Protein backbone atom coordinates (compact mmCIF):
# COMPACT_ATOMS: atom_id res chain seq x y z
CA UNK A 1 26.31 13.17 -6.79
CA UNK A 2 27.51 12.13 -10.23
CA UNK A 3 30.91 13.64 -9.48
CA UNK A 4 31.30 11.79 -6.18
CA UNK A 5 34.48 10.05 -7.29
CA UNK A 6 35.91 12.94 -9.35
CA UNK A 7 38.46 13.88 -6.68
CA UNK A 8 39.22 10.31 -5.63
CA UNK A 9 42.83 9.39 -6.30
CA UNK A 10 43.65 5.78 -7.10
CA UNK A 11 46.95 4.49 -5.81
CA UNK A 12 49.60 5.03 -8.44
CA UNK A 13 50.30 1.89 -10.42
CA UNK A 14 52.26 2.02 -13.62
CA UNK A 15 50.66 -1.11 -15.05
CA UNK A 16 47.04 0.20 -15.09
CA UNK A 17 45.73 3.64 -16.01
CA UNK A 18 42.80 4.10 -13.56
CA UNK A 19 41.97 7.65 -14.66
CA UNK A 20 40.14 6.39 -17.73
CA UNK A 21 38.30 3.64 -15.84
CA UNK A 22 36.69 5.58 -12.99
CA UNK A 23 33.20 5.44 -14.52
CA UNK A 24 33.54 1.75 -15.30
CA UNK A 25 34.61 0.89 -11.77
CA UNK A 26 31.86 3.07 -10.26
CA UNK A 27 29.23 1.40 -12.45
CA UNK A 28 30.41 -2.08 -11.52
CA UNK A 29 30.38 -1.24 -7.80
CA UNK A 30 26.90 0.30 -8.10
CA UNK A 31 25.60 -2.76 -9.94
CA UNK A 32 27.03 -5.13 -7.35
CA UNK A 33 25.42 -3.15 -4.51
CA UNK A 34 22.05 -3.07 -6.28
CA UNK A 35 22.19 -6.79 -7.07
CA UNK A 36 23.23 -7.67 -3.52
CA UNK A 37 20.34 -5.69 -2.04
CA UNK A 38 17.76 -7.48 -4.15
CA UNK A 39 19.46 -10.84 -3.60
CA UNK A 40 19.16 -10.44 0.18
CA UNK A 41 15.46 -9.58 -0.10
CA UNK A 42 14.72 -12.47 -2.44
CA UNK A 43 16.50 -14.80 -0.02
CA UNK A 44 14.36 -13.56 2.87
CA UNK A 45 11.19 -13.98 0.81
CA UNK A 46 12.12 -17.58 0.01
CA UNK A 47 13.14 -18.50 3.55
CA UNK A 48 10.11 -16.79 5.15
CA UNK A 49 7.20 -17.34 2.72
CA UNK A 50 4.35 -16.91 5.22
CA UNK A 51 2.87 -13.42 5.75
CA UNK A 52 3.24 -13.87 9.52
CA UNK A 53 7.01 -14.14 9.07
CA UNK A 54 7.55 -11.56 6.33
CA UNK A 55 4.58 -9.38 5.48
CA UNK A 56 4.30 -9.02 1.71
CA UNK A 57 3.60 -5.31 2.09
CA UNK A 58 7.19 -4.84 3.28
CA UNK A 59 8.36 -5.32 -0.31
CA UNK A 60 6.94 -1.87 -1.07
CA UNK A 61 10.04 -0.18 0.34
CA UNK A 62 12.28 -2.01 -2.11
CA UNK A 63 9.99 -1.23 -5.03
CA UNK A 64 9.98 2.49 -4.24
CA UNK A 65 13.73 2.45 -3.65
CA UNK A 66 14.21 0.82 -7.05
CA UNK A 67 11.90 3.37 -8.67
CA UNK A 68 13.95 6.15 -7.07
CA UNK A 69 17.12 4.44 -8.31
CA UNK A 70 15.87 4.66 -11.88
CA UNK A 71 14.81 8.29 -11.39
CA UNK A 72 18.26 9.27 -10.12
CA UNK A 73 19.97 7.17 -12.79
CA UNK A 74 18.11 9.10 -15.49
CA UNK A 75 19.56 12.30 -14.10
CA UNK A 76 23.01 10.70 -14.12
CA UNK A 77 22.55 10.06 -17.83
CA UNK A 78 22.86 13.82 -18.41
CA UNK A 79 25.82 15.95 -17.45
CA UNK A 80 26.15 17.87 -14.21
CA UNK A 81 26.14 21.09 -16.21
CA UNK A 82 22.53 20.43 -17.16
CA UNK A 83 21.48 20.00 -13.52
CA UNK A 84 23.47 23.08 -12.46
CA UNK A 85 21.86 25.02 -15.27
CA UNK A 86 25.03 25.86 -17.16
CA UNK A 87 23.98 24.38 -20.48
CA UNK A 88 20.40 23.08 -20.26
CA UNK A 89 17.69 25.63 -21.00
CA UNK A 90 15.38 23.79 -23.36
CA UNK A 91 13.11 20.84 -22.82
CA UNK A 92 9.86 20.43 -20.94
CA UNK A 93 10.87 22.25 -17.77
CA UNK A 94 14.56 22.95 -18.34
CA UNK A 95 16.95 22.88 -15.42
CA UNK A 96 14.09 23.32 -12.93
CA UNK A 97 12.50 20.10 -14.17
CA UNK A 98 15.83 18.25 -13.84
CA UNK A 99 16.28 19.53 -10.29
CA UNK A 100 12.72 18.66 -9.25
CA UNK A 101 13.07 15.18 -10.77
CA UNK A 102 16.33 14.62 -8.86
CA UNK A 103 14.79 15.96 -5.64
CA UNK A 104 11.77 13.62 -5.94
CA UNK A 105 14.08 10.68 -6.62
CA UNK A 106 16.18 11.36 -3.54
CA UNK A 107 13.12 11.92 -1.37
CA UNK A 108 11.70 8.56 -2.48
CA UNK A 109 15.02 6.95 -1.67
CA UNK A 110 15.29 8.60 1.77
CA UNK A 111 11.67 7.71 2.50
CA UNK A 112 12.26 4.08 1.57
CA UNK A 113 15.34 3.89 3.77
CA UNK A 114 13.51 5.43 6.74
CA UNK A 115 10.51 3.14 6.20
CA UNK A 116 12.81 0.11 6.13
CA UNK A 117 14.27 1.18 9.49
CA UNK A 118 10.76 1.53 10.87
CA UNK A 119 9.89 -1.95 9.60
CA UNK A 120 13.04 -3.40 11.14
CA UNK A 121 12.48 -1.95 14.58
CA UNK A 122 8.69 -1.68 14.67
CA UNK A 123 7.80 -5.09 13.29
CA UNK A 124 10.75 -7.26 14.32
CA UNK A 125 13.09 -5.93 17.02
CA UNK A 126 10.39 -4.76 19.45
CA UNK A 127 8.28 -7.89 18.90
CA UNK A 128 11.13 -10.26 19.94
CA UNK A 129 10.77 -12.44 16.84
CA UNK A 130 13.32 -13.51 14.24
CA UNK A 131 14.82 -10.27 12.89
CA UNK A 132 16.30 -11.60 9.64
CA UNK A 133 13.34 -10.52 7.47
CA UNK A 134 13.54 -7.01 8.94
CA UNK A 135 17.29 -6.90 8.38
CA UNK A 136 16.76 -8.05 4.80
CA UNK A 137 14.30 -5.20 4.16
CA UNK A 138 16.71 -2.71 5.71
CA UNK A 139 19.83 -3.96 3.92
CA UNK A 140 18.04 -4.07 0.59
CA UNK A 141 17.13 -0.40 0.88
CA UNK A 142 20.46 0.60 2.41
CA UNK A 143 22.45 -1.03 -0.39
CA UNK A 144 20.25 0.55 -3.07
CA UNK A 145 20.58 3.90 -1.28
CA UNK A 146 24.38 3.70 -0.97
CA UNK A 147 24.88 2.64 -4.57
CA UNK A 148 23.60 5.99 -5.85
CA UNK A 149 26.71 8.04 -4.89
CA UNK A 150 28.87 5.58 -6.83
CA UNK A 151 27.37 6.91 -10.03
């Protein structure tokens, strides 16, 4: 996933050299998506402070999604060669440990996204009540989930 934008070609512009700024642009986009997800959830928590409107347990999805974000970001701190096993043989578990860590991070992120969909439909859409808190939970997790490929 760290090489998601490796083959992306920026439009040719003679005034700016984008080839050297791919990582910078990807980091800025990822940060904006992460910030926007949490901003939406904080807004919903402020607008709907009562547990009948927005159950406080629904914040768990965002917490686990953020935890998974940090787990995947730690893997992005090392090169792809270490995850593929080309250069990383030492350490606690070697390349197997890096792969298991990445797998657990993505499973936490997928689980949080699926749980946020369940919260949206199970607690808000089918109950015919205001769906904004459910949408906030979903969009928080979706934006955190979709910011990972940017790295």
